[in-house]
Amino acid sequence: MDDFSRSWTALRVAVAELADEDFARPSGCAGWLVRDLVCHLVIDAQDVLITLVTPVDAEPTRDAVTYWDLVEAPTGQDPLDALVVRLAAAYGESWLLKFHLDDVGSAAGRAAALADRAMRVGTKDEVLTAADYLRAYVLEWTLHHLDLIAHLPDAAQPPQEGLASSRALLEAIAGEPFPPSFSDRAALLIGTGRRSPTAEQAAELGGLAGRLSFVLG
């Protein structure tokens, strides 16, 4: 099992294990409840399916690092973010969201397992190899797993392999490493603005502290 499959499977299992009342709790994504985040994961799974069946006969224009754009922190005013909230509410019952994610998410997982990693695919008007595209999504899955369990202390953490891979990718995006004393989880949460560093951590970050946060879009 590669990092994509491992991370995606763990995230889907975490959603499947949520209690009904957990869907109304806040997530780690500003302005989104857990149910909104799960709805976003359904859309992500659809994106994976669409991309992996969109081969392109052209040279790659991006890789797993440059796939990501640095954007402004979300305010909740973006039309797509607002649409996700409305879609999530339209499900009405949490089991419907679980069912849809399991259905589409399982298909996305199978598509990823079958994909030729050297194949070039198109997404967001860019071209990547399937390997780079799926590597970029390990970061997506890992961050959203952390978002999912932000207020669920007893929930399972993301796989360690995905945390380590995602940290390495975020450090490549940042152009420098996070302090070795930072756990992979702390590096991801602080690096992407999901958590503020303590005074001690800010001192360890040095000049990197002034460049935070790396909000990915």
N, C-alpha and C. Protein backbone atom coordinates (compact mmCIF):
# COMPACT_ATOMS: atom_id res chain seq x y z
N MET A 1 0.84 -1.19 0.00
CA MET A 1 0.00 0.00 0.00
C MET A 1 0.88 1.24 0.00
N ASP A 2 0.66 2.17 -0.95
CA ASP A 2 1.48 3.38 -1.01
C ASP A 2 0.88 4.46 -0.12
N ASP A 3 1.58 5.60 -0.05
CA ASP A 3 1.15 6.66 0.86
C ASP A 3 -0.24 7.19 0.51
N PHE A 4 -0.56 7.29 -0.79
CA PHE A 4 -1.88 7.77 -1.18
C PHE A 4 -2.95 6.83 -0.64
N SER A 5 -2.82 5.55 -0.94
CA SER A 5 -3.84 4.59 -0.52
C SER A 5 -3.93 4.50 1.00
N ARG A 6 -2.78 4.51 1.65
CA ARG A 6 -2.76 4.42 3.10
C ARG A 6 -3.46 5.62 3.74
N SER A 7 -3.14 6.82 3.26
CA SER A 7 -3.72 8.04 3.83
C SER A 7 -5.21 8.15 3.54
N TRP A 8 -5.59 7.82 2.30
CA TRP A 8 -6.99 7.92 1.90
C TRP A 8 -7.84 6.89 2.63
N THR A 9 -7.33 5.68 2.76
CA THR A 9 -8.07 4.65 3.48
C THR A 9 -8.27 5.04 4.94
N ALA A 10 -7.22 5.54 5.57
CA ALA A 10 -7.32 5.94 6.98
C ALA A 10 -8.32 7.07 7.17
N LEU A 11 -8.35 8.01 6.24
CA LEU A 11 -9.29 9.12 6.34
C LEU A 11 -10.73 8.64 6.18
N ARG A 12 -10.96 7.75 5.22
CA ARG A 12 -12.32 7.24 5.02
C ARG A 12 -12.78 6.41 6.21
N VAL A 13 -11.87 5.65 6.80
CA VAL A 13 -12.22 4.87 7.99
C VAL A 13 -12.56 5.81 9.14
N ALA A 14 -11.79 6.90 9.28
CA ALA A 14 -12.06 7.87 10.35
C ALA A 14 -13.46 8.46 10.19
N VAL A 15 -13.86 8.76 8.96
CA VAL A 15 -15.21 9.28 8.72
C VAL A 15 -16.26 8.22 9.05
N ALA A 16 -16.00 7.00 8.63
CA ALA A 16 -16.97 5.92 8.88
C ALA A 16 -17.19 5.68 10.37
N GLU A 17 -16.18 5.99 11.18
CA GLU A 17 -16.27 5.74 12.62
C GLU A 17 -16.88 6.92 13.39
N LEU A 18 -17.19 8.01 12.72
CA LEU A 18 -17.77 9.16 13.40
C LEU A 18 -19.16 8.83 13.93
N ALA A 19 -19.46 9.34 15.11
CA ALA A 19 -20.82 9.26 15.63
C ALA A 19 -21.66 10.35 14.96
N ASP A 20 -22.97 10.17 14.97
CA ASP A 20 -23.85 11.14 14.32
C ASP A 20 -23.62 12.55 14.86
N GLU A 21 -23.46 12.66 16.17
CA GLU A 21 -23.29 13.99 16.77
C GLU A 21 -21.97 14.65 16.39
N ASP A 22 -20.99 13.85 15.94
CA ASP A 22 -19.69 14.42 15.55
C ASP A 22 -19.81 15.30 14.31
N PHE A 23 -20.80 15.04 13.47
CA PHE A 23 -20.93 15.80 12.23
C PHE A 23 -21.30 17.27 12.48
N ALA A 24 -21.84 17.55 13.65
CA ALA A 24 -22.20 18.93 13.98
C ALA A 24 -21.10 19.64 14.76
N ARG A 25 -19.98 18.98 15.00
CA ARG A 25 -18.87 19.61 15.71
C ARG A 25 -18.06 20.45 14.73
N PRO A 26 -17.33 21.44 15.24
CA PRO A 26 -16.45 22.22 14.35
C PRO A 26 -15.30 21.35 13.84
N SER A 27 -14.83 21.63 12.65
CA SER A 27 -13.65 20.97 12.11
C SER A 27 -12.46 21.91 12.23
N GLY A 28 -11.33 21.46 11.76
CA GLY A 28 -10.14 22.31 11.76
C GLY A 28 -10.12 23.30 10.61
N CYS A 29 -11.09 23.25 9.72
CA CYS A 29 -11.21 24.21 8.62
C CYS A 29 -12.09 25.36 9.09
N ALA A 30 -11.55 26.56 9.06
CA ALA A 30 -12.28 27.73 9.58
C ALA A 30 -13.65 27.86 8.91
N GLY A 31 -14.69 27.94 9.73
CA GLY A 31 -16.04 28.14 9.22
C GLY A 31 -16.77 26.89 8.80
N TRP A 32 -16.10 25.73 8.87
CA TRP A 32 -16.73 24.47 8.44
C TRP A 32 -16.95 23.55 9.62
N LEU A 33 -18.14 22.96 9.67
CA LEU A 33 -18.40 21.86 10.58
C LEU A 33 -17.80 20.58 9.98
N VAL A 34 -17.78 19.53 10.79
CA VAL A 34 -17.28 18.25 10.29
C VAL A 34 -18.08 17.81 9.07
N ARG A 35 -19.40 18.00 9.08
CA ARG A 35 -20.21 17.57 7.94
C ARG A 35 -19.81 18.32 6.66
N ASP A 36 -19.42 19.60 6.79
CA ASP A 36 -19.00 20.38 5.62
C ASP A 36 -17.69 19.82 5.08
N LEU A 37 -16.79 19.47 5.98
CA LEU A 37 -15.50 18.90 5.56
C LEU A 37 -15.71 17.58 4.85
N VAL A 38 -16.60 16.73 5.38
CA VAL A 38 -16.85 15.43 4.74
C VAL A 38 -17.44 15.64 3.35
N CYS A 39 -18.32 16.62 3.21
CA CYS A 39 -18.87 16.94 1.89
C CYS A 39 -17.75 17.37 0.94
N HIS A 40 -16.81 18.15 1.44
CA HIS A 40 -15.66 18.56 0.63
C HIS A 40 -14.85 17.34 0.20
N LEU A 41 -14.73 16.34 1.07
CA LEU A 41 -13.99 15.13 0.72
C LEU A 41 -14.67 14.37 -0.41
N VAL A 42 -16.00 14.40 -0.44
CA VAL A 42 -16.72 13.79 -1.58
C VAL A 42 -16.31 14.49 -2.87
N ILE A 43 -16.25 15.81 -2.84
CA ILE A 43 -15.84 16.57 -4.03
C ILE A 43 -14.41 16.26 -4.39
N ASP A 44 -13.54 16.14 -3.39
CA ASP A 44 -12.14 15.77 -3.64
C ASP A 44 -12.05 14.41 -4.33
N ALA A 45 -12.84 13.46 -3.84
CA ALA A 45 -12.83 12.12 -4.44
C ALA A 45 -13.27 12.18 -5.90
N GLN A 46 -14.27 12.99 -6.18
CA GLN A 46 -14.71 13.17 -7.56
C GLN A 46 -13.58 13.77 -8.41
N ASP A 47 -12.85 14.71 -7.83
CA ASP A 47 -11.74 15.33 -8.55
C ASP A 47 -10.68 14.30 -8.90
N VAL A 48 -10.38 13.41 -7.97
CA VAL A 48 -9.41 12.35 -8.24
C VAL A 48 -9.88 11.47 -9.38
N LEU A 49 -11.14 11.06 -9.34
CA LEU A 49 -11.69 10.23 -10.40
C LEU A 49 -11.62 10.93 -11.76
N ILE A 50 -12.04 12.18 -11.79
CA ILE A 50 -12.03 12.93 -13.05
C ILE A 50 -10.61 13.08 -13.59
N THR A 51 -9.70 13.42 -12.72
CA THR A 51 -8.32 13.67 -13.16
C THR A 51 -7.66 12.41 -13.68
N LEU A 52 -7.88 11.30 -13.00
CA LEU A 52 -7.21 10.06 -13.41
C LEU A 52 -7.77 9.47 -14.71
N VAL A 53 -8.91 9.98 -15.18
CA VAL A 53 -9.42 9.55 -16.49
C VAL A 53 -9.34 10.71 -17.48
N THR A 54 -8.41 11.63 -17.21
CA THR A 54 -8.18 12.75 -18.13
C THR A 54 -6.72 12.75 -18.56
N PRO A 55 -6.31 11.74 -19.34
CA PRO A 55 -4.92 11.71 -19.80
C PRO A 55 -4.62 12.85 -20.77
N VAL A 56 -3.39 13.32 -20.73
CA VAL A 56 -2.98 14.45 -21.56
C VAL A 56 -1.67 14.09 -22.25
N ASP A 57 -1.62 14.36 -23.53
CA ASP A 57 -0.41 14.10 -24.31
C ASP A 57 0.41 15.39 -24.38
N ALA A 58 1.00 15.75 -23.26
CA ALA A 58 1.79 16.98 -23.18
C ALA A 58 2.79 16.83 -22.04
N GLU A 59 3.82 17.67 -22.07
CA GLU A 59 4.82 17.64 -21.02
C GLU A 59 4.23 18.20 -19.72
N PRO A 60 4.64 17.65 -18.57
CA PRO A 60 4.15 18.19 -17.29
C PRO A 60 4.50 19.66 -17.12
N THR A 61 3.56 20.40 -16.60
CA THR A 61 3.80 21.81 -16.28
C THR A 61 3.98 22.02 -14.78
N ARG A 62 3.60 21.02 -13.99
CA ARG A 62 3.75 21.11 -12.54
C ARG A 62 4.13 19.74 -11.99
N ASP A 63 4.63 19.77 -10.73
CA ASP A 63 4.89 18.52 -10.03
C ASP A 63 4.17 18.56 -8.69
N ALA A 64 4.49 17.64 -7.79
CA ALA A 64 3.75 17.55 -6.53
C ALA A 64 3.93 18.81 -5.67
N VAL A 65 5.07 19.47 -5.82
CA VAL A 65 5.32 20.69 -5.04
C VAL A 65 4.62 21.89 -5.68
N THR A 66 4.83 22.07 -6.97
CA THR A 66 4.28 23.25 -7.64
C THR A 66 2.79 23.10 -7.98
N TYR A 67 2.24 21.91 -7.73
CA TYR A 67 0.78 21.74 -7.86
C TYR A 67 0.05 22.74 -6.98
N TRP A 68 0.64 23.04 -5.83
CA TRP A 68 -0.01 23.89 -4.84
C TRP A 68 0.29 25.35 -5.08
N ASP A 69 -0.75 26.18 -5.00
CA ASP A 69 -0.59 27.63 -5.00
C ASP A 69 -0.74 28.12 -3.57
N LEU A 70 0.01 29.16 -3.23
CA LEU A 70 -0.16 29.80 -1.93
C LEU A 70 -1.25 30.85 -2.06
N VAL A 71 -2.25 30.76 -1.22
CA VAL A 71 -3.44 31.62 -1.33
C VAL A 71 -3.69 32.32 0.01
N GLU A 72 -4.65 33.23 -0.01
CA GLU A 72 -5.05 33.90 1.22
C GLU A 72 -5.85 32.93 2.10
N ALA A 73 -5.78 33.14 3.40
CA ALA A 73 -6.55 32.31 4.32
C ALA A 73 -8.04 32.42 4.01
N PRO A 74 -8.77 31.31 4.06
CA PRO A 74 -10.20 31.36 3.73
C PRO A 74 -10.98 32.22 4.71
N THR A 75 -11.96 32.92 4.20
CA THR A 75 -12.80 33.79 5.03
C THR A 75 -14.22 33.26 5.16
N GLY A 76 -14.53 32.22 4.37
CA GLY A 76 -15.90 31.71 4.35
C GLY A 76 -16.78 32.43 3.34
N GLN A 77 -16.25 33.45 2.68
CA GLN A 77 -17.02 34.22 1.71
C GLN A 77 -16.90 33.68 0.29
N ASP A 78 -15.95 32.79 0.06
CA ASP A 78 -15.76 32.24 -1.27
C ASP A 78 -17.02 31.47 -1.70
N PRO A 79 -17.51 31.68 -2.94
CA PRO A 79 -18.75 31.01 -3.37
C PRO A 79 -18.69 29.49 -3.28
N LEU A 80 -17.53 28.90 -3.59
CA LEU A 80 -17.43 27.44 -3.54
C LEU A 80 -17.50 26.95 -2.10
N ASP A 81 -16.84 27.67 -1.18
CA ASP A 81 -16.92 27.28 0.23
C ASP A 81 -18.36 27.34 0.72
N ALA A 82 -19.08 28.39 0.32
CA ALA A 82 -20.48 28.53 0.72
C ALA A 82 -21.34 27.43 0.12
N LEU A 83 -21.01 27.03 -1.11
CA LEU A 83 -21.76 25.96 -1.76
C LEU A 83 -21.57 24.64 -1.02
N VAL A 84 -20.35 24.38 -0.57
CA VAL A 84 -20.08 23.15 0.18
C VAL A 84 -20.96 23.08 1.42
N VAL A 85 -21.08 24.19 2.13
CA VAL A 85 -21.91 24.22 3.34
C VAL A 85 -23.36 23.91 3.00
N ARG A 86 -23.86 24.48 1.92
CA ARG A 86 -25.25 24.21 1.52
C ARG A 86 -25.44 22.76 1.09
N LEU A 87 -24.48 22.23 0.36
CA LEU A 87 -24.57 20.83 -0.07
C LEU A 87 -24.56 19.89 1.13
N ALA A 88 -23.68 20.18 2.08
CA ALA A 88 -23.59 19.33 3.27
C ALA A 88 -24.90 19.33 4.04
N ALA A 89 -25.50 20.50 4.18
CA ALA A 89 -26.77 20.61 4.89
C ALA A 89 -27.87 19.85 4.17
N ALA A 90 -27.79 19.80 2.84
CA ALA A 90 -28.84 19.15 2.04
C ALA A 90 -28.87 17.64 2.26
N TYR A 91 -27.78 17.05 2.72
CA TYR A 91 -27.78 15.61 2.98
C TYR A 91 -28.76 15.25 4.09
N GLY A 92 -28.92 16.16 5.05
CA GLY A 92 -29.89 15.94 6.11
C GLY A 92 -29.44 14.99 7.19
N GLU A 93 -29.01 13.80 6.82
CA GLU A 93 -28.60 12.79 7.79
C GLU A 93 -27.16 12.37 7.52
N SER A 94 -26.44 12.14 8.60
CA SER A 94 -25.00 11.86 8.48
C SER A 94 -24.73 10.57 7.71
N TRP A 95 -25.63 9.57 7.83
CA TRP A 95 -25.37 8.31 7.15
C TRP A 95 -25.33 8.47 5.63
N LEU A 96 -26.07 9.45 5.13
CA LEU A 96 -26.07 9.68 3.69
C LEU A 96 -24.70 10.21 3.23
N LEU A 97 -24.13 11.09 4.03
CA LEU A 97 -22.79 11.59 3.71
C LEU A 97 -21.77 10.46 3.79
N LYS A 98 -21.88 9.64 4.83
CA LYS A 98 -20.96 8.49 4.97
C LYS A 98 -21.08 7.57 3.75
N PHE A 99 -22.32 7.29 3.36
CA PHE A 99 -22.56 6.40 2.22
C PHE A 99 -21.94 6.97 0.94
N HIS A 100 -22.18 8.25 0.68
CA HIS A 100 -21.69 8.85 -0.55
C HIS A 100 -20.17 8.88 -0.57
N LEU A 101 -19.55 9.23 0.57
CA LEU A 101 -18.08 9.24 0.61
C LEU A 101 -17.52 7.84 0.42
N ASP A 102 -18.13 6.85 1.05
CA ASP A 102 -17.65 5.48 0.90
C ASP A 102 -17.77 5.02 -0.55
N ASP A 103 -18.88 5.38 -1.19
CA ASP A 103 -19.13 4.96 -2.57
C ASP A 103 -18.13 5.60 -3.54
N VAL A 104 -18.09 6.93 -3.52
CA VAL A 104 -17.20 7.64 -4.44
C VAL A 104 -15.75 7.49 -4.01
N GLY A 105 -15.52 7.51 -2.70
CA GLY A 105 -14.15 7.40 -2.22
C GLY A 105 -13.52 6.06 -2.51
N SER A 106 -14.29 4.99 -2.41
CA SER A 106 -13.76 3.67 -2.75
C SER A 106 -13.37 3.61 -4.23
N ALA A 107 -14.20 4.20 -5.07
CA ALA A 107 -13.91 4.22 -6.51
C ALA A 107 -12.64 5.02 -6.78
N ALA A 108 -12.48 6.16 -6.09
CA ALA A 108 -11.26 6.95 -6.27
C ALA A 108 -10.03 6.17 -5.82
N GLY A 109 -10.17 5.43 -4.75
CA GLY A 109 -9.05 4.61 -4.28
C GLY A 109 -8.67 3.53 -5.27
N ARG A 110 -9.69 2.89 -5.88
CA ARG A 110 -9.41 1.86 -6.89
C ARG A 110 -8.77 2.47 -8.12
N ALA A 111 -9.25 3.63 -8.54
CA ALA A 111 -8.68 4.29 -9.70
C ALA A 111 -7.22 4.64 -9.48
N ALA A 112 -6.90 5.10 -8.28
CA ALA A 112 -5.52 5.45 -7.96
C ALA A 112 -4.63 4.21 -7.97
N ALA A 113 -5.14 3.10 -7.44
CA ALA A 113 -4.35 1.87 -7.40
C ALA A 113 -4.08 1.34 -8.80
N LEU A 114 -5.00 1.56 -9.72
CA LEU A 114 -4.85 1.05 -11.09
C LEU A 114 -4.08 1.99 -12.01
N ALA A 115 -3.92 3.24 -11.60
CA ALA A 115 -3.33 4.25 -12.49
C ALA A 115 -1.85 3.99 -12.77
N ASP A 116 -1.48 4.18 -14.02
CA ASP A 116 -0.07 4.15 -14.42
C ASP A 116 0.58 5.42 -13.88
N ARG A 117 1.55 5.26 -12.99
CA ARG A 117 2.15 6.43 -12.35
C ARG A 117 2.87 7.34 -13.33
N ALA A 118 3.26 6.82 -14.48
CA ALA A 118 3.95 7.65 -15.48
C ALA A 118 2.98 8.40 -16.39
N MET A 119 1.70 8.04 -16.32
CA MET A 119 0.70 8.70 -17.15
C MET A 119 0.63 10.19 -16.81
N ARG A 120 0.41 11.02 -17.83
CA ARG A 120 0.23 12.46 -17.61
C ARG A 120 -1.25 12.78 -17.58
N VAL A 121 -1.64 13.55 -16.58
CA VAL A 121 -3.05 13.88 -16.40
C VAL A 121 -3.22 15.39 -16.33
N GLY A 122 -4.44 15.82 -16.66
CA GLY A 122 -4.73 17.25 -16.64
C GLY A 122 -5.68 17.62 -15.53
N THR A 123 -5.36 18.69 -14.83
CA THR A 123 -6.24 19.23 -13.79
C THR A 123 -5.91 20.69 -13.58
N LYS A 124 -6.91 21.51 -13.35
CA LYS A 124 -6.73 22.95 -13.10
C LYS A 124 -5.92 23.61 -14.22
N ASP A 125 -6.13 23.13 -15.45
CA ASP A 125 -5.43 23.67 -16.62
C ASP A 125 -3.92 23.47 -16.55
N GLU A 126 -3.50 22.45 -15.81
CA GLU A 126 -2.09 22.10 -15.70
C GLU A 126 -1.93 20.61 -16.02
N VAL A 127 -0.67 20.19 -16.23
CA VAL A 127 -0.36 18.80 -16.53
C VAL A 127 0.63 18.27 -15.50
N LEU A 128 0.33 17.10 -14.95
CA LEU A 128 1.22 16.43 -14.01
C LEU A 128 1.29 14.96 -14.36
N THR A 129 2.33 14.29 -13.89
CA THR A 129 2.29 12.83 -13.93
C THR A 129 1.30 12.37 -12.86
N ALA A 130 0.74 11.19 -13.06
CA ALA A 130 -0.17 10.65 -12.06
C ALA A 130 0.54 10.49 -10.72
N ALA A 131 1.82 10.13 -10.76
CA ALA A 131 2.58 9.96 -9.52
C ALA A 131 2.64 11.26 -8.73
N ASP A 132 2.93 12.37 -9.41
CA ASP A 132 3.00 13.67 -8.73
C ASP A 132 1.62 14.11 -8.24
N TYR A 133 0.61 13.88 -9.04
CA TYR A 133 -0.74 14.25 -8.64
C TYR A 133 -1.15 13.51 -7.37
N LEU A 134 -0.91 12.22 -7.33
CA LEU A 134 -1.29 11.43 -6.17
C LEU A 134 -0.43 11.78 -4.96
N ARG A 135 0.82 12.11 -5.19
CA ARG A 135 1.68 12.53 -4.07
C ARG A 135 1.16 13.85 -3.48
N ALA A 136 0.73 14.76 -4.34
CA ALA A 136 0.17 16.02 -3.85
C ALA A 136 -1.06 15.76 -2.99
N TYR A 137 -1.85 14.77 -3.37
CA TYR A 137 -3.07 14.48 -2.63
C TYR A 137 -2.82 13.81 -1.28
N VAL A 138 -1.64 13.24 -1.08
CA VAL A 138 -1.31 12.73 0.25
C VAL A 138 -1.34 13.88 1.25
N LEU A 139 -0.81 15.04 0.84
CA LEU A 139 -0.86 16.23 1.69
C LEU A 139 -2.30 16.66 1.93
N GLU A 140 -3.13 16.63 0.89
CA GLU A 140 -4.54 16.98 1.04
C GLU A 140 -5.23 16.06 2.04
N TRP A 141 -5.05 14.78 1.88
CA TRP A 141 -5.71 13.82 2.78
C TRP A 141 -5.21 13.99 4.20
N THR A 142 -3.92 14.17 4.37
CA THR A 142 -3.35 14.25 5.72
C THR A 142 -3.82 15.51 6.45
N LEU A 143 -3.79 16.64 5.76
CA LEU A 143 -4.27 17.88 6.39
C LEU A 143 -5.75 17.77 6.75
N HIS A 144 -6.54 17.20 5.86
CA HIS A 144 -7.97 17.10 6.14
C HIS A 144 -8.28 16.04 7.20
N HIS A 145 -7.42 15.04 7.34
CA HIS A 145 -7.58 14.10 8.45
C HIS A 145 -7.37 14.85 9.77
N LEU A 146 -6.33 15.69 9.81
CA LEU A 146 -6.10 16.50 11.00
C LEU A 146 -7.26 17.47 11.25
N ASP A 147 -7.82 18.02 10.17
CA ASP A 147 -9.00 18.89 10.31
C ASP A 147 -10.19 18.13 10.87
N LEU A 148 -10.38 16.92 10.37
CA LEU A 148 -11.53 16.11 10.78
C LEU A 148 -11.52 15.85 12.28
N ILE A 149 -10.35 15.57 12.83
CA ILE A 149 -10.27 15.15 14.24
C ILE A 149 -9.82 16.29 15.15
N ALA A 150 -9.84 17.51 14.65
CA ALA A 150 -9.33 18.65 15.43
C ALA A 150 -10.01 18.77 16.78
N HIS A 151 -11.28 18.43 16.86
CA HIS A 151 -12.04 18.53 18.12
C HIS A 151 -12.57 17.16 18.55
N LEU A 152 -11.88 16.13 18.10
CA LEU A 152 -12.23 14.76 18.46
C LEU A 152 -10.99 14.08 19.01
N PRO A 153 -10.65 14.32 20.25
CA PRO A 153 -9.37 13.88 20.80
C PRO A 153 -9.15 12.37 20.82
N ASP A 154 -10.23 11.60 20.78
CA ASP A 154 -10.08 10.14 20.84
C ASP A 154 -10.00 9.49 19.46
N ALA A 155 -10.14 10.29 18.42
CA ALA A 155 -10.12 9.74 17.06
C ALA A 155 -8.70 9.36 16.64
N ALA A 156 -8.62 8.43 15.71
CA ALA A 156 -7.31 7.97 15.24
C ALA A 156 -6.61 9.05 14.44
N GLN A 157 -5.29 9.14 14.63
CA GLN A 157 -4.47 10.11 13.91
C GLN A 157 -4.19 9.61 12.48
N PRO A 158 -3.76 10.49 11.59
CA PRO A 158 -3.36 10.05 10.25
C PRO A 158 -2.16 9.10 10.34
N PRO A 159 -1.96 8.27 9.33
CA PRO A 159 -0.80 7.38 9.32
C PRO A 159 0.50 8.17 9.40
N GLN A 160 1.47 7.61 10.13
CA GLN A 160 2.74 8.30 10.30
C GLN A 160 3.46 8.52 8.98
N GLU A 161 3.33 7.54 8.08
CA GLU A 161 3.99 7.69 6.77
C GLU A 161 3.45 8.89 6.01
N GLY A 162 2.13 9.09 6.09
CA GLY A 162 1.51 10.23 5.41
C GLY A 162 1.91 11.54 6.06
N LEU A 163 2.01 11.55 7.39
CA LEU A 163 2.45 12.75 8.09
C LEU A 163 3.87 13.13 7.66
N ALA A 164 4.76 12.14 7.62
CA ALA A 164 6.15 12.41 7.25
C ALA A 164 6.26 12.87 5.80
N SER A 165 5.53 12.20 4.90
CA SER A 165 5.55 12.58 3.49
C SER A 165 4.99 13.99 3.30
N SER A 166 3.92 14.30 4.03
CA SER A 166 3.29 15.61 3.90
C SER A 166 4.20 16.71 4.45
N ARG A 167 4.87 16.42 5.54
CA ARG A 167 5.81 17.41 6.08
C ARG A 167 6.91 17.70 5.06
N ALA A 168 7.46 16.64 4.46
CA ALA A 168 8.52 16.83 3.47
C ALA A 168 8.02 17.67 2.30
N LEU A 169 6.80 17.46 1.88
CA LEU A 169 6.24 18.22 0.76
C LEU A 169 6.02 19.68 1.17
N LEU A 170 5.52 19.90 2.38
CA LEU A 170 5.31 21.28 2.85
C LEU A 170 6.65 22.00 2.99
N GLU A 171 7.66 21.31 3.44
CA GLU A 171 8.98 21.93 3.55
C GLU A 171 9.54 22.29 2.17
N ALA A 172 9.25 21.45 1.18
CA ALA A 172 9.67 21.76 -0.19
C ALA A 172 8.93 23.00 -0.70
N ILE A 173 7.66 23.11 -0.36
CA ILE A 173 6.87 24.29 -0.75
C ILE A 173 7.43 25.53 -0.06
N ALA A 174 7.78 25.39 1.21
CA ALA A 174 8.31 26.52 1.98
C ALA A 174 9.73 26.88 1.56
N GLY A 175 10.45 25.91 1.03
CA GLY A 175 11.84 26.15 0.62
C GLY A 175 12.83 26.01 1.75
N GLU A 176 12.38 25.55 2.92
CA GLU A 176 13.27 25.32 4.05
C GLU A 176 12.58 24.41 5.05
N PRO A 177 13.37 23.72 5.88
CA PRO A 177 12.76 22.78 6.81
C PRO A 177 12.21 23.45 8.07
N PHE A 178 11.29 22.77 8.71
CA PHE A 178 10.84 23.17 10.02
C PHE A 178 11.82 22.61 11.05
N PRO A 179 11.86 23.19 12.23
CA PRO A 179 12.82 22.73 13.25
C PRO A 179 12.68 21.23 13.52
N PRO A 180 13.80 20.54 13.71
CA PRO A 180 13.74 19.10 13.99
C PRO A 180 12.94 18.76 15.25
N SER A 181 12.83 19.71 16.19
CA SER A 181 12.08 19.45 17.42
C SER A 181 10.57 19.39 17.17
N PHE A 182 10.12 19.92 16.03
CA PHE A 182 8.69 19.88 15.70
C PHE A 182 8.31 18.47 15.26
N SER A 183 7.23 17.94 15.82
CA SER A 183 6.69 16.70 15.28
C SER A 183 6.15 16.99 13.89
N ASP A 184 5.94 15.93 13.11
CA ASP A 184 5.36 16.12 11.78
C ASP A 184 3.99 16.78 11.88
N ARG A 185 3.21 16.36 12.86
CA ARG A 185 1.87 16.93 13.05
C ARG A 185 1.96 18.43 13.37
N ALA A 186 2.86 18.79 14.27
CA ALA A 186 3.01 20.20 14.63
C ALA A 186 3.49 21.02 13.45
N ALA A 187 4.43 20.48 12.68
CA ALA A 187 4.93 21.21 11.51
C ALA A 187 3.81 21.49 10.52
N LEU A 188 2.93 20.52 10.32
CA LEU A 188 1.83 20.69 9.37
C LEU A 188 0.79 21.68 9.89
N LEU A 189 0.44 21.56 11.15
CA LEU A 189 -0.59 22.44 11.71
C LEU A 189 -0.09 23.88 11.79
N ILE A 190 1.13 24.07 12.26
CA ILE A 190 1.68 25.42 12.38
C ILE A 190 2.03 25.98 11.00
N GLY A 191 2.60 25.14 10.15
CA GLY A 191 3.02 25.61 8.84
C GLY A 191 1.89 26.07 7.96
N THR A 192 0.72 25.46 8.13
CA THR A 192 -0.44 25.83 7.29
C THR A 192 -1.40 26.76 8.01
N GLY A 193 -1.00 27.25 9.17
CA GLY A 193 -1.82 28.22 9.88
C GLY A 193 -2.99 27.64 10.64
N ARG A 194 -3.01 26.34 10.80
CA ARG A 194 -4.09 25.72 11.56
C ARG A 194 -3.90 25.87 13.07
N ARG A 195 -2.66 26.17 13.46
CA ARG A 195 -2.36 26.40 14.86
C ARG A 195 -1.26 27.44 14.96
N SER A 196 -1.34 28.30 15.95
CA SER A 196 -0.30 29.31 16.14
C SER A 196 0.86 28.70 16.93
N PRO A 197 2.09 29.05 16.59
CA PRO A 197 3.22 28.53 17.37
C PRO A 197 3.27 29.16 18.75
N THR A 198 3.78 28.41 19.71
CA THR A 198 4.05 28.99 21.02
C THR A 198 5.23 29.95 20.88
N ALA A 199 5.49 30.72 21.91
CA ALA A 199 6.63 31.65 21.88
C ALA A 199 7.93 30.88 21.66
N GLU A 200 8.05 29.73 22.31
CA GLU A 200 9.25 28.91 22.16
C GLU A 200 9.37 28.39 20.74
N GLN A 201 8.26 27.92 20.17
CA GLN A 201 8.29 27.41 18.80
C GLN A 201 8.60 28.52 17.80
N ALA A 202 8.04 29.72 18.03
CA ALA A 202 8.31 30.85 17.15
C ALA A 202 9.79 31.19 17.15
N ALA A 203 10.41 31.10 18.33
CA ALA A 203 11.85 31.37 18.42
C ALA A 203 12.64 30.33 17.64
N GLU A 204 12.22 29.08 17.72
CA GLU A 204 12.89 28.02 16.97
C GLU A 204 12.72 28.19 15.47
N LEU A 205 11.58 28.70 15.06
CA LEU A 205 11.32 28.90 13.63
C LEU A 205 12.22 29.97 13.03
N GLY A 206 12.66 30.91 13.83
CA GLY A 206 13.53 31.97 13.33
C GLY A 206 12.86 32.76 12.23
N GLY A 207 13.57 32.96 11.12
CA GLY A 207 13.04 33.75 10.01
C GLY A 207 11.84 33.13 9.36
N LEU A 208 11.68 31.81 9.49
CA LEU A 208 10.53 31.14 8.89
C LEU A 208 9.23 31.60 9.54
N ALA A 209 9.29 32.00 10.80
CA ALA A 209 8.09 32.45 11.52
C ALA A 209 7.45 33.64 10.81
N GLY A 210 8.27 34.49 10.24
CA GLY A 210 7.74 35.67 9.55
C GLY A 210 7.10 35.37 8.23
N ARG A 211 7.29 34.14 7.73
CA ARG A 211 6.70 33.77 6.43
C ARG A 211 5.42 32.96 6.58
N LEU A 212 5.09 32.58 7.80
CA LEU A 212 3.87 31.82 8.01
C LEU A 212 2.65 32.70 7.81
N SER A 213 1.55 32.11 7.33
CA SER A 213 1.33 30.69 7.15
C SER A 213 1.32 30.34 5.67
N PHE A 214 1.58 29.09 5.36
CA PHE A 214 1.52 28.61 3.99
C PHE A 214 0.13 28.00 3.75
N VAL A 215 -0.78 28.83 3.27
CA VAL A 215 -2.15 28.40 3.00
C VAL A 215 -2.19 27.87 1.58
N LEU A 216 -2.57 26.62 1.43
CA LEU A 216 -2.48 25.95 0.13
C LEU A 216 -3.82 25.91 -0.57
N GLY A 217 -3.78 26.16 -1.87
CA GLY A 217 -5.00 26.12 -2.67
C GLY A 217 -4.75 25.54 -4.04
